[in-house]
C-alpha atoms as a PDB file:
ATOM      1  CA  MET A   1      44.118-128.113 -48.828  1.00  0.00           C
ATOM      2  CA  THR A   2      47.681-130.376 -48.486  1.00  0.00           C
ATOM      3  CA  GLN A   3      47.968-132.831 -50.967  1.00  0.00           C
ATOM      4  CA  LYS A   4      48.065-135.902 -49.828  1.00  0.00           C
ATOM      5  CA  THR A   5      51.399-137.658 -50.325  1.00  0.00           C
ATOM      6  CA  TYR A   6      52.187-141.114 -52.002  1.00  0.00           C
ATOM      7  CA  ARG A   7      54.033-143.687 -49.978  1.00  0.00           C
ATOM      8  CA  TRP A   8      55.532-146.575 -51.127  1.00  0.00           C
ATOM      9  CA  ARG A   9      56.475-148.473 -48.090  1.00  0.00           C
ATOM     10  CA  THR A  10      53.707-149.288 -45.825  1.00  0.00           C
ATOM     11  CA  ASP A  11      55.805-152.251 -44.161  1.00  0.00           C
ATOM     12  CA  PRO A  12      59.414-152.390 -42.444  1.00  0.00           C
ATOM     13  CA  ASP A  13      59.750-156.062 -43.948  1.00  0.00           C
ATOM     14  CA  GLN A  14      60.023-154.379 -47.973  1.00  0.00           C
ATOM     15  CA  ILE A  15      62.672-154.063 -49.625  1.00  0.00           C
ATOM     16  CA  ALA A  16      61.420-153.387 -52.836  1.00  0.00           C
ATOM     17  CA  ARG A  17      58.485-152.429 -55.329  1.00  0.00           C
ATOM     18  CA  PHE A  18      57.476-152.022 -59.207  1.00  0.00           C
ATOM     19  CA  VAL A  19      54.888-150.198 -59.613  1.00  0.00           C
ATOM     20  CA  HIS A  20      53.505-149.182 -63.630  1.00  0.00           C
ATOM     21  CA  ASP A  21      53.031-145.639 -64.545  1.00  0.00           C
ATOM     22  CA  ASN A  22      49.431-145.918 -64.601  1.00  0.00           C
ATOM     23  CA  ASP A  23      48.990-147.335 -61.208  1.00  0.00           C
ATOM     24  CA  LEU A  24      50.296-143.821 -59.324  1.00  0.00           C
ATOM     25  CA  PRO A  25      48.142-141.327 -59.038  1.00  0.00           C
ATOM     26  CA  ARG A  26      49.208-138.585 -62.084  1.00  0.00           C
ATOM     27  CA  ASN A  27      50.870-135.753 -60.341  1.00  0.00           C
ATOM     28  CA  THR A  28      50.714-137.152 -56.366  1.00  0.00           C
ATOM     29  CA  PRO A  29      54.277-135.897 -54.522  1.00  0.00           C
ATOM     30  CA  ILE A  30      56.008-139.260 -53.982  1.00  0.00           C
ATOM     31  CA  LEU A  31      58.204-138.931 -50.530  1.00  0.00           C
ATOM     32  CA  LEU A  32      61.608-140.790 -51.106  1.00  0.00           C
ATOM     33  CA  ARG A  33      63.042-140.947 -47.100  1.00  0.00           C
ATOM     34  CA  PRO A  34      67.038-141.249 -46.012  1.00  0.00           C
ATOM     35  CA  ASN A  35      68.466-144.752 -47.691  1.00  0.00           C
ATOM     36  CA  GLU A  36      65.200-145.165 -49.999  1.00  0.00           C
ATOM     37  CA  VAL A  37      65.949-144.660 -54.412  1.00  0.00           C
ATOM     38  CA  CYS A  38      63.649-144.678 -57.143  1.00  0.00           C
ATOM     39  CA  VAL A  39      64.923-146.417 -60.563  1.00  0.00           C
ATOM     40  CA  VAL A  40      63.242-144.727 -63.449  1.00  0.00           C
ATOM     41  CA  LEU A  41      62.275-147.054 -66.014  1.00  0.00           C
ATOM     42  CA  GLU A  42      61.142-146.181 -69.952  1.00  0.00           C
ATOM     43  CA  ASN A  43      60.164-148.482 -72.316  1.00  0.00           C
ATOM     44  CA  GLY A  44      62.332-151.139 -70.503  1.00  0.00           C
ATOM     45  CA  ARG A  45      64.949-149.508 -70.371  1.00  0.00           C
ATOM     46  CA  ILE A  46      66.951-147.557 -66.904  1.00  0.00           C
ATOM     47  CA  ALA A  47      66.263-143.568 -67.315  1.00  0.00           C
ATOM     48  CA  GLY A  48      67.950-142.780 -63.746  1.00  0.00           C
ATOM     49  CA  ILE A  49      67.921-143.094 -60.260  1.00  0.00           C
ATOM     50  CA  VAL A  50      66.530-140.751 -57.691  1.00  0.00           C
ATOM     51  CA  THR A  51      67.681-140.513 -54.190  1.00  0.00           C
ATOM     52  CA  GLN A  52      65.709-138.541 -51.368  1.00  0.00           C
ATOM     53  CA  GLN A  53      63.604-135.907 -52.162  1.00  0.00           C
ATOM     54  CA  VAL A  54      60.052-134.819 -53.344  1.00  0.00           C
ATOM     55  CA  MET A  55      59.448-136.178 -56.849  1.00  0.00           C
ATOM     56  CA  ARG A  56      56.388-137.032 -59.513  1.00  0.00           C
ATOM     57  CA  ALA A  57      55.015-139.152 -61.038  1.00  0.00           C
ATOM     58  CA  ASN A  58      54.602-137.497 -64.587  1.00  0.00           C
ATOM     59  CA  PRO A  59      54.690-133.660 -63.446  1.00  0.00           C
ATOM     60  CA  THR A  60      53.437-131.476 -66.091  1.00  0.00           C
ATOM     61  CA  THR A  61      55.797-128.858 -65.587  1.00  0.00           C
ATOM     62  CA  SER A  62      59.222-129.578 -63.363  1.00  0.00           C
ATOM     63  CA  MET A  63      63.221-129.384 -64.149  1.00  0.00           C
ATOM     64  CA  LEU A  64      62.921-133.571 -64.058  1.00  0.00           C
ATOM     65  CA  ARG A  65      60.191-133.081 -67.015  1.00  0.00           C
ATOM     66  CA  ARG A  66      62.842-135.192 -69.389  1.00  0.00           C
ATOM     67  CA  MET A  67      63.310-137.934 -66.689  1.00  0.00           C
ATOM     68  CA  PHE A  68      59.352-137.976 -65.540  1.00  0.00           C
ATOM     69  CA  GLY A  69      58.001-136.146 -68.193  1.00  0.00           C
ATOM     70  CA  GLY A  70      56.358-136.697 -72.160  1.00  0.00           C
ATOM     71  CA  LYS A  71      53.927-140.160 -73.198  1.00  0.00           C
ATOM     72  CA  ARG A  72      56.807-142.633 -72.811  1.00  0.00           C
ATOM     73  CA  ARG A  73      56.251-145.724 -71.465  1.00  0.00           C
ATOM     74  CA  ARG A  74      57.311-145.357 -67.936  1.00  0.00           C
ATOM     75  CA  SER A  75      57.715-147.953 -64.511  1.00  0.00           C
ATOM     76  CA  TYR A  76      59.167-147.314 -61.613  1.00  0.00           C
ATOM     77  CA  LEU A  77      61.053-149.737 -59.009  1.00  0.00           C
ATOM     78  CA  PHE A  78      60.993-148.293 -55.355  1.00  0.00           C
ATOM     79  CA  ALA A  79      64.413-149.416 -53.111  1.00  0.00           C
ATOM     80  CA  PHE A  80      65.367-149.754 -49.781  1.00  0.00           C
ATOM     81  CA  LEU A  81      68.772-150.076 -49.077  1.00  0.00           C
ATOM     82  CA  GLY A  82      69.036-151.204 -45.806  1.00  0.00           C
ATOM     83  CA  PRO A  83      70.264-152.248 -43.670  1.00  0.00           C
ATOM     84  CA  TYR A  84      67.643-155.395 -43.207  1.00  0.00           C
ATOM     85  CA  THR A  85      68.599-158.750 -41.246  1.00  0.00           C
ATOM     86  CA  VAL A  86      67.672-162.600 -43.045  1.00  0.00           C
ATOM     87  CA  ASN A  87      67.459-165.398 -40.371  1.00  0.00           C
ATOM     88  CA  LEU A  88      68.764-169.180 -42.464  1.00  0.00           C
ATOM     89  CA  PRO A  89      67.609-172.149 -39.879  1.00  0.00           C
ATOM     90  CA  PHE A  90      69.925-174.766 -40.266  1.00  0.00           C
ATOM     91  CA  ALA A  91      70.121-178.965 -39.189  1.00  0.00           C
ATOM     92  CA  SER A  92      72.051-181.422 -39.773  1.00  0.00           C
ATOM     93  CA  LYS A  93      74.549-183.978 -38.532  1.00  0.00           C
ATOM     94  CA  SER A  94      78.101-184.263 -37.427  1.00  0.00           C
ATOM     95  CA  SER A  95      81.761-186.268 -38.006  1.00  0.00           C
ATOM     96  CA  ASP A  96      80.325-188.395 -34.176  1.00  0.00           C
ATOM     97  CA  HIS A  97      76.549-188.375 -35.028  1.00  0.00           C
ATOM     98  CA  GLN A  98      75.473-185.516 -33.103  1.00  0.00           C
ATOM     99  CA  THR A  99      72.258-183.636 -34.540  1.00  0.00           C
ATOM    100  CA  LEU A 100      73.119-179.710 -34.482  1.00  0.00           C
ATOM    101  CA  ARG A 101      70.702-177.518 -35.325  1.00  0.00           C
ATOM    102  CA  GLY A 102      71.681-173.838 -35.641  1.00  0.00           C
ATOM    103  CA  GLN A 103      70.639-169.816 -37.243  1.00  0.00           C
ATOM    104  CA  ALA A 104      72.888-168.437 -39.720  1.00  0.00           C
ATOM    105  CA  THR A 105      71.647-164.452 -39.459  1.00  0.00           C
ATOM    106  CA  VAL A 106      73.186-162.415 -42.358  1.00  0.00           C
ATOM    107  CA  ARG A 107      72.851-158.658 -42.355  1.00  0.00           C
ATOM    108  CA  LEU A 108      72.548-157.250 -45.923  1.00  0.00           C
ATOM    109  CA  CYS A 109      73.015-153.761 -47.680  1.00  0.00           C
ATOM    110  CA  ALA A 110      72.540-152.067 -51.060  1.00  0.00           C
ATOM    111  CA  THR A 111      74.021-148.934 -52.787  1.00  0.00           C
ATOM    112  CA  ARG A 112      72.312-146.472 -55.443  1.00  0.00           C
ATOM    113  CA  GLU A 113      74.900-147.997 -57.569  1.00  0.00           C
ATOM    114  CA  HIS A 114      73.760-151.222 -57.846  1.00  0.00           C
ATOM    115  CA  ILE A 115      70.507-151.620 -56.345  1.00  0.00           C
ATOM    116  CA  ALA A 116      69.001-151.876 -60.210  1.00  0.00           C
ATOM    117  CA  ARG A 117      70.180-155.312 -60.663  1.00  0.00           C
ATOM    118  CA  ILE A 118      67.353-156.419 -58.603  1.00  0.00           C
ATOM    119  CA  ILE A 119      64.862-155.271 -61.096  1.00  0.00           C
ATOM    120  CA  GLN A 120      65.386-159.091 -62.546  1.00  0.00           C
ATOM    121  CA  LEU A 121      62.547-159.930 -59.749  1.00  0.00           C
ATOM    122  CA  PRO A 122      60.002-158.162 -60.736  1.00  0.00           C
ATOM    123  CA  ALA A 123      60.537-158.988 -64.319  1.00  0.00           C
ATOM    124  CA  ASN A 124      60.085-162.934 -62.987  1.00  0.00           C
ATOM    125  CA  GLY A 125      56.321-161.520 -61.684  1.00  0.00           C
ATOM    126  CA  MET A 126      57.384-160.198 -58.341  1.00  0.00           C
ATOM    127  CA  MET A 127      55.808-156.621 -57.796  1.00  0.00           C
ATOM    128  CA  GLU A 128      56.876-156.643 -54.323  1.00  0.00           C
ATOM    129  CA  ILE A 129      60.058-157.789 -52.405  1.00  0.00           C
ATOM    130  CA  ARG A 130      60.356-158.703 -49.049  1.00  0.00           C
ATOM    131  CA  VAL A 131      62.414-160.028 -46.388  1.00  0.00           C
ATOM    132  CA  GLN A 132      61.274-162.905 -46.521  1.00  0.00           C
ATOM    133  CA  ASP A 133      61.593-163.180 -50.310  1.00  0.00           C
ATOM    134  CA  LEU A 134      65.069-162.810 -49.758  1.00  0.00           C
ATOM    135  CA  GLN A 135      65.428-165.576 -47.356  1.00  0.00           C
ATOM    136  CA  ASN A 136      63.314-167.819 -49.179  1.00  0.00           C
ATOM    137  CA  MET A 137      66.271-167.377 -51.888  1.00  0.00           C
ATOM    138  CA  LEU A 138      69.094-167.505 -49.772  1.00  0.00           C
ATOM    139  CA  LEU A 139      67.522-170.881 -48.060  1.00  0.00           C
ATOM    140  CA  ALA A 140      68.467-173.737 -49.768  1.00  0.00           C
ATOM    141  CA  GLU A 141      71.937-172.050 -50.477  1.00  0.00           C
ATOM    142  CA  ALA A 142      73.076-171.707 -46.786  1.00  0.00           C
ATOM    143  CA  ARG A 143      71.493-175.319 -45.929  1.00  0.00           C
ATOM    144  CA  ALA A 144      73.804-176.832 -48.333  1.00  0.00           C
ATOM    145  CA  TYR A 145      76.795-174.926 -47.331  1.00  0.00           C
ATOM    146  CA  MET A 146      76.493-175.871 -43.169  1.00  0.00           C
ATOM    147  CA  ALA A 147      75.814-179.219 -44.120  1.00  0.00           C
ATOM    148  CA  ARG A 148      79.035-180.159 -45.745  1.00  0.00           C
ATOM    149  CA  THR A 149      80.790-177.621 -43.132  1.00  0.00           C
ATOM    150  CA  ILE A 150      79.263-179.408 -40.112  1.00  0.00           C
ATOM    151  CA  GLN A 151      79.969-183.096 -41.271  1.00  0.00           C
ATOM    152  CA  LYS A 152      83.751-182.291 -41.097  1.00  0.00           C
ATOM    153  CA  TYR A 153      83.546-181.368 -37.794  1.00  0.00           C
ATOM    154  CA  SER A 154      82.538-182.966 -34.406  1.00  0.00           C
ATOM    155  CA  ASN A 155      79.610-181.703 -31.680  1.00  0.00           C
ATOM    156  CA  ASP A 156      82.876-179.722 -29.893  1.00  0.00           C
ATOM    157  CA  ASP A 157      85.483-178.353 -32.436  1.00  0.00           C
ATOM    158  CA  LEU A 158      82.280-177.178 -34.607  1.00  0.00           C
ATOM    159  CA  VAL A 159      80.863-175.113 -31.905  1.00  0.00           C
ATOM    160  CA  GLN A 160      83.895-173.866 -29.954  1.00  0.00           C
ATOM    161  CA  GLU A 161      86.858-173.355 -32.522  1.00  0.00           C
ATOM    162  CA  ALA A 162      85.166-173.538 -36.294  1.00  0.00           C
ATOM    163  CA  ASN A 163      82.290-170.811 -35.456  1.00  0.00           C
ATOM    164  CA  GLU A 164      84.001-168.159 -37.677  1.00  0.00           C
ATOM    165  CA  ASP A 165      85.089-170.078 -40.289  1.00  0.00           C
ATOM    166  CA  ALA A 166      82.015-170.958 -40.655  1.00  0.00           C
ATOM    167  CA  SER A 167      80.514-167.663 -41.211  1.00  0.00           C
ATOM    168  CA  ILE A 168      83.481-166.295 -43.370  1.00  0.00           C
ATOM    169  CA  GLY A 169      82.501-169.530 -45.555  1.00  0.00           C
ATOM    170  CA  LEU A 170      78.691-168.609 -45.588  1.00  0.00           C
ATOM    171  CA  SER A 171      79.316-165.506 -46.877  1.00  0.00           C
ATOM    172  CA  LEU A 172      81.847-166.248 -49.449  1.00  0.00           C
ATOM    173  CA  ALA A 173      78.925-169.033 -50.668  1.00  0.00           C
ATOM    174  CA  LEU A 174      76.176-166.478 -50.325  1.00  0.00           C
ATOM    175  CA  ARG A 175      78.417-163.997 -52.162  1.00  0.00           C
ATOM    176  CA  ARG A 176      77.425-164.494 -55.961  1.00  0.00           C
ATOM    177  CA  THR A 177      73.986-164.885 -55.357  1.00  0.00           C
ATOM    178  CA  VAL A 178      73.518-162.026 -52.838  1.00  0.00           C
ATOM    179  CA  GLU A 179      75.293-159.889 -55.482  1.00  0.00           C
ATOM    180  CA  SER A 180      73.539-160.334 -57.671  1.00  0.00           C
ATOM    181  CA  PHE A 181      70.636-158.797 -56.833  1.00  0.00           C
ATOM    182  CA  GLY A 182      72.754-155.764 -56.410  1.00  0.00           C
ATOM    183  CA  MET A 183      73.313-156.379 -52.669  1.00  0.00           C
ATOM    184  CA  SER A 184      76.093-157.150 -50.099  1.00  0.00           C
ATOM    185  CA  ILE A 185      76.903-159.266 -47.135  1.00  0.00           C
ATOM    186  CA  ASP A 186      77.604-157.111 -44.531  1.00  0.00           C
ATOM    187  CA  HIS A 187      77.428-159.610 -41.475  1.00  0.00           C
ATOM    188  CA  THR A 188      77.111-163.098 -40.888  1.00  0.00           C
ATOM    189  CA  PHE A 189      76.356-164.961 -37.177  1.00  0.00           C
ATOM    190  CA  ILE A 190      75.923-168.148 -36.588  1.00  0.00           C
ATOM    191  CA  THR A 191      74.154-169.258 -33.546  1.00  0.00           C
ATOM    192  CA  TRP A 192      74.092-173.131 -32.132  1.00  0.00           C
ATOM    193  CA  LYS A 193      71.513-174.563 -30.189  1.00  0.00           C
ATOM    194  CA  GLN A 194      72.625-177.415 -27.744  1.00  0.00           C
ATOM    195  CA  SER A 195      72.919-181.359 -29.664  1.00  0.00           C
ATOM    196  CA  ASP A 196      70.822-183.909 -27.954  1.00  0.00           C
ATOM    197  CA  LYS A 197      74.371-185.037 -26.039  1.00  0.00           C
ATOM    198  CA  VAL A 198      74.568-181.910 -24.410  1.00  0.00           C
ATOM    199  CA  ARG A 199      70.876-182.315 -23.417  1.00  0.00           C
ATOM    200  CA  LEU A 200      71.640-185.446 -21.923  1.00  0.00           C
ATOM    201  CA  GLU A 201      74.013-185.308 -19.892  1.00  0.00           C
ATOM    202  CA  ALA A 202      72.433-181.997 -18.927  1.00  0.00           C
ATOM    203  CA  GLU A 203      69.813-184.219 -17.437  1.00  0.00           C
ATOM    204  CA  ARG A 204      71.481-186.783 -15.820  1.00  0.00           C
ATOM    205  CA  GLU A 205      73.330-184.206 -14.047  1.00  0.00           C
ATOM    206  CA  HIS A 206      70.162-183.130 -13.016  1.00  0.00           C
ATOM    207  CA  ALA A 207      69.039-186.581 -11.363  1.00  0.00           C
ATOM    208  CA  ILE A 208      72.817-186.516  -9.513  1.00  0.00           C
ATOM    209  CA  ASN A 209      71.876-183.280  -8.265  1.00  0.00           C
ATOM    210  CA  MET A 210      68.305-184.032  -7.393  1.00  0.00           C
ATOM    211  CA  ALA A 211      69.819-187.200  -5.230  1.00  0.00           C
ATOM    212  CA  GLU A 212      72.732-185.353  -3.931  1.00  0.00           C
ATOM    213  CA  HIS A 213      69.736-183.018  -2.128  1.00  0.00           C
ATOM    214  CA  ALA A 214      67.726-185.513  -1.397  1.00  0.00           C
ATOM    215  CA  SER A 215      70.366-186.871   0.762  1.00  0.00           C
ATOM    216  CA  ILE A 216      71.383-183.828   2.218  1.00  0.00           C
ATOM    217  CA  GLN A 217      68.019-183.031   2.900  1.00  0.00           C
ATOM    218  CA  ALA A 218      67.741-186.242   5.028  1.00  0.00           C
ATOM    219  CA  GLU A 219      71.438-185.704   6.406  1.00  0.00           C
ATOM    220  CA  ARG A 220      69.491-182.148   7.695  1.00  0.00           C
ATOM    221  CA  GLU A 221      66.750-184.146   8.961  1.00  0.00           C
ATOM    222  CA  GLN A 222      68.733-185.774  10.836  1.00  0.00           C
ATOM    223  CA  ILE A 223      70.676-183.851  12.111  1.00  0.00           C
ATOM    224  CA  ASN A 224      67.512-181.809  13.798  1.00  0.00           C
ATOM    225  CA  PHE A 225      66.168-185.209  15.367  1.00  0.00           C
ATOM    226  CA  ASP A 226      69.004-185.631  16.973  1.00  0.00           C
ATOM    227  CA  ALA A 227      69.108-182.192  18.555  1.00  0.00           C
ATOM    228  CA  GLN A 228      65.778-182.716  19.546  1.00  0.00           C
ATOM    229  CA  LEU A 229      65.743-185.997  20.610  1.00  0.00           C
ATOM    230  CA  ALA A 230      68.775-184.321  23.207  1.00  0.00           C
ATOM    231  CA  THR A 231      66.821-181.491  24.275  1.00  0.00           C
ATOM    232  CA  GLN A 232      63.736-183.846  25.131  1.00  0.00           C
ATOM    233  CA  GLN A 233      66.356-186.573  27.463  1.00  0.00           C
ATOM    234  CA  ARG A 234      67.777-183.156  29.031  1.00  0.00           C
ATOM    235  CA  ARG A 235      64.277-182.136  29.980  1.00  0.00           C
ATOM    236  CA  ALA A 236      63.594-185.389  31.182  1.00  0.00           C
ATOM    237  CA  ASP A 237      66.688-186.396  33.308  1.00  0.00           C
ATOM    238  CA  PHE A 238      65.623-183.008  34.520  1.00  0.00           C
ATOM    239  CA  THR A 239      61.978-183.479  35.786  1.00  0.00           C
ATOM    240  CA  ALA A 240      62.771-186.914  36.895  1.00  0.00           C
ATOM    241  CA  ARG A 241      65.656-185.264  39.883  1.00  0.00           C
ATOM    242  CA  SER A 242      63.082-182.401  40.346  1.00  0.00           C
ATOM    243  CA  GLN A 243      60.428-184.896  41.386  1.00  0.00           C
ATOM    244  CA  MET A 244      62.639-187.310  43.016  1.00  0.00           C
ATOM    245  CA  ALA A 245      64.516-184.162  45.123  1.00  0.00           C
ATOM    246  CA  ALA A 246      60.597-182.808  45.476  1.00  0.00           C
ATOM    247  CA  LYS A 247      59.446-186.316  46.906  1.00  0.00           C
ATOM    248  CA  ALA A 248      62.711-186.984  49.310  1.00  0.00           C
ATOM    249  CA  ALA A 249      61.964-183.567  50.360  1.00  0.00           C
ATOM    250  CA  THR A 250      58.046-183.948  50.939  1.00  0.00           C
ATOM    251  CA  GLU A 251      59.155-187.662  52.577  1.00  0.00           C
ATOM    252  CA  ARG A 252      61.432-186.636  54.728  1.00  0.00           C
ATOM    253  CA  ALA A 253      59.403-183.496  56.678  1.00  0.00           C
ATOM    254  CA  LYS A 254      56.793-186.389  56.674  1.00  0.00           C
ATOM    255  CA  VAL A 255      58.743-188.319  58.623  1.00  0.00           C
ATOM    256  CA  GLU A 256      61.079-186.065  60.575  1.00  0.00           C
ATOM    257  CA  PRO A 257      58.238-185.138  63.629  1.00  0.00           C
ATOM    258  CA  ARG A 258      58.153-189.308  63.955  1.00  0.00           C
ATOM    259  CA  ILE A 259      61.518-189.614  64.194  1.00  0.00           C
ATOM    260  CA  ALA A 260      62.135-187.333  66.552  1.00  0.00           C
ATOM    261  CA  GLN A 261      59.066-188.209  69.058  1.00  0.00           C
ATOM    262  CA  ILE A 262      60.801-192.247  67.907  1.00  0.00           C
ATOM    263  CA  LYS A 263      63.890-191.288  68.714  1.00  0.00           C
ATOM    264  CA  ALA A 264      62.758-189.066  72.145  1.00  0.00           C
ATOM    265  CA  GLU A 265      60.932-192.290  73.048  1.00  0.00           C
ATOM    266  CA  GLY A 266      63.938-194.746  72.581  1.00  0.00           C
ATOM    267  CA  SER A 267      62.191-196.943  70.418  1.00  0.00           C
ATOM    268  CA  ILE A 268      63.830-196.336  67.167  1.00  0.00           C
ATOM    269  CA  SER A 269      66.928-198.010  66.241  1.00  0.00           C
ATOM    270  CA  GLU A 270      69.803-197.400  63.839  1.00  0.00           C
ATOM    271  CA  ALA A 271      68.805-200.161  61.653  1.00  0.00           C
ATOM    272  CA  GLU A 272      65.232-199.206  61.309  1.00  0.00           C
ATOM    273  CA  TRP A 273      66.356-195.784  59.866  1.00  0.00           C
ATOM    274  CA  ASP A 274      68.801-197.190  56.879  1.00  0.00           C
ATOM    275  CA  ASN A 275      66.000-199.258  55.952  1.00  0.00           C
ATOM    276  CA  LYS A 276      63.551-196.759  55.544  1.00  0.00           C
ATOM    277  CA  HIS A 277      66.486-194.371  54.098  1.00  0.00           C
ATOM    278  CA  ARG A 278      67.943-197.177  51.039  1.00  0.00           C
ATOM    279  CA  ASN A 279      63.872-197.657  50.670  1.00  0.00           C
ATOM    280  CA  GLN A 280      63.365-194.288  49.821  1.00  0.00           C
ATOM    281  CA  ALA A 281      66.329-194.320  47.384  1.00  0.00           C
ATOM    282  CA  HIS A 282      65.602-197.389  45.629  1.00  0.00           C
ATOM    283  CA  GLU A 283      61.679-195.368  44.776  1.00  0.00           C
ATOM    284  CA  ALA A 284      63.803-191.971  43.408  1.00  0.00           C
ATOM    285  CA  GLU A 285      66.251-194.384  41.549  1.00  0.00           C
ATOM    286  CA  MET A 286      63.265-196.347  39.889  1.00  0.00           C
ATOM    287  CA  ALA A 287      61.774-192.610  39.096  1.00  0.00           C
ATOM    288  CA  ARG A 288      64.972-192.131  37.089  1.00  0.00           C
ATOM    289  CA  ASN A 289      64.963-195.120  35.093  1.00  0.00           C
ATOM    290  CA  LYS A 290      61.239-194.620  34.188  1.00  0.00           C
ATOM    291  CA  ALA A 291      61.818-191.437  32.729  1.00  0.00           C
ATOM    292  CA  THR A 292      64.996-192.623  31.004  1.00  0.00           C
ATOM    293  CA  SER A 293      63.107-195.544  29.472  1.00  0.00           C
ATOM    294  CA  LYS A 294      60.534-193.029  28.429  1.00  0.00           C
ATOM    295  CA  ALA A 295      63.018-191.460  26.117  1.00  0.00           C
ATOM    296  CA  GLU A 296      64.904-194.140  25.399  1.00  0.00           C
ATOM    297  CA  VAL A 297      61.357-195.468  23.889  1.00  0.00           C
ATOM    298  CA  LEU A 298      61.290-191.909  21.669  1.00  0.00           C
ATOM    299  CA  ASP A 299      64.344-192.309  20.520  1.00  0.00           C
ATOM    300  CA  ILE A 300      63.370-195.647  19.085  1.00  0.00           C
ATOM    301  CA  LEU A 301      60.222-194.529  17.699  1.00  0.00           C
ATOM    302  CA  ARG A 302      61.870-192.039  16.284  1.00  0.00           C
ATOM    303  CA  SER A 303      64.780-194.234  14.757  1.00  0.00           C
ATOM    304  CA  LYS A 304      62.091-196.373  12.744  1.00  0.00           C
ATOM    305  CA  GLU A 305      60.417-193.509  11.299  1.00  0.00           C
ATOM    306  CA  LEU A 306      63.564-191.988   9.965  1.00  0.00           C
ATOM    307  CA  ASP A 307      64.040-195.206   8.721  1.00  0.00           C
ATOM    308  CA  LEU A 308      60.917-195.878   7.278  1.00  0.00           C
ATOM    309  CA  ARG A 309      61.147-192.673   5.599  1.00  0.00           C
ATOM    310  CA  GLU A 310      64.751-193.252   4.340  1.00  0.00           C
ATOM    311  CA  ARG A 311      63.341-196.168   2.521  1.00  0.00           C
ATOM    312  CA  LYS A 312      60.531-194.219   0.933  1.00  0.00           C
ATOM    313  CA  GLN A 313      62.917-191.920   0.012  1.00  0.00           C
ATOM    314  CA  ASN A 314      65.464-194.764  -1.573  1.00  0.00           C
ATOM    315  CA  GLN A 315      62.558-195.942  -3.605  1.00  0.00           C
ATOM    316  CA  ASP A 316      61.159-192.674  -4.819  1.00  0.00           C
ATOM    317  CA  LEU A 317      64.932-191.990  -6.032  1.00  0.00           C
ATOM    318  CA  ALA A 318      64.930-195.723  -7.952  1.00  0.00           C
ATOM    319  CA  LEU A 319      61.585-195.073  -9.833  1.00  0.00           C
ATOM    320  CA  ALA A 320      62.917-191.656 -10.485  1.00  0.00           C
ATOM    321  CA  MET A 321      66.040-192.846 -12.258  1.00  0.00           C
ATOM    322  CA  THR A 322      64.319-196.202 -13.936  1.00  0.00           C
ATOM    323  CA  LEU A 323      61.938-193.607 -15.124  1.00  0.00           C
ATOM    324  CA  PHE A 324      64.539-191.442 -16.559  1.00  0.00           C
ATOM    325  CA  GLU A 325      66.624-194.034 -18.312  1.00  0.00           C
ATOM    326  CA  SER A 326      62.993-195.875 -19.754  1.00  0.00           C
ATOM    327  CA  VAL A 327      62.490-192.271 -21.476  1.00  0.00           C
ATOM    328  CA  GLN A 328      66.015-191.690 -23.001  1.00  0.00           C
ATOM    329  CA  GLU A 329      66.336-195.466 -23.873  1.00  0.00           C
ATOM    330  CA  LYS A 330      62.717-194.438 -26.369  1.00  0.00           C
ATOM    331  CA  LYS A 331      64.569-191.269 -27.662  1.00  0.00           C
ATOM    332  CA  ARG A 332      67.585-193.371 -28.649  1.00  0.00           C
ATOM    333  CA  MET A 333      65.228-195.909 -30.461  1.00  0.00           C
ATOM    334  CA  ARG A 334      63.403-192.829 -31.995  1.00  0.00           C
ATOM    335  CA  SER A 335      66.838-190.949 -33.278  1.00  0.00           C
ATOM    336  CA  LYS A 336      67.680-194.723 -34.343  1.00  0.00           C
ATOM    337  CA  ASN A 337      64.736-194.886 -36.390  1.00  0.00           C
END
């Protein structure tokens, strides 16, 4: 039956764990993975540091008996050398009174020769050390440095020009504290969030774009309506002409036999024929005018409808801009308070 191996690190956020001799299963294999070390303390002093291998706590026979054997009072500090990432959020006001928020990402690592310095934390009662613990210990210093740095620059200068200087300065400000834990800073990166000024400008630009979009939409509807109206007018004109030609042909077909008969009888004069022809032309003109009037009425109704729609869009846009200015005024009042 395979003996169960003791694993000190069960969570990726764990950096170190301090274990007393009596808390370890006797003669249990302890597996150290890559980038893990074990600092052995005897009677409160560092007796040695073990790197990647299979070790045993309190072995009965072993080449490491001088280190782990005997009746000395022992403790073990298991540690992960990293790298591990610490996130440090901050917020402060720039020289132009803009509230700037961001987050500094600090990447830490440790070496076998210096990791034993972290023993000061278990000495203060912290038996297990996590990334969150490092964040809590570094957060106050990071915020103090970022507050002093942000106050020297304006919003645009800090984000565009001083970003790299702020990252280097933060690394130097935290170096002493980090080195006291036996670690070093591998990399520092700062990300900035939009300030209130930038957000207001973005919202104002969005409102302007909405107004332009509404105007373009109204122009597009007007073009479509003009095209539809022109089509209806051409259709009405063609219908009127077709009806007039058909009616003239019908009337001509009706009267031609009678005209021929009258002419044959010699009882019709040229004046009567011209009068009848004028009457027919007048009726055809009236039919054409009626069709044209109908198209003009449709045009007038459509124009009134578009005018009402445009007036409603202008009212809605004015109301939206009023609400927008009211919201911004409330934001400015809250920021002053």
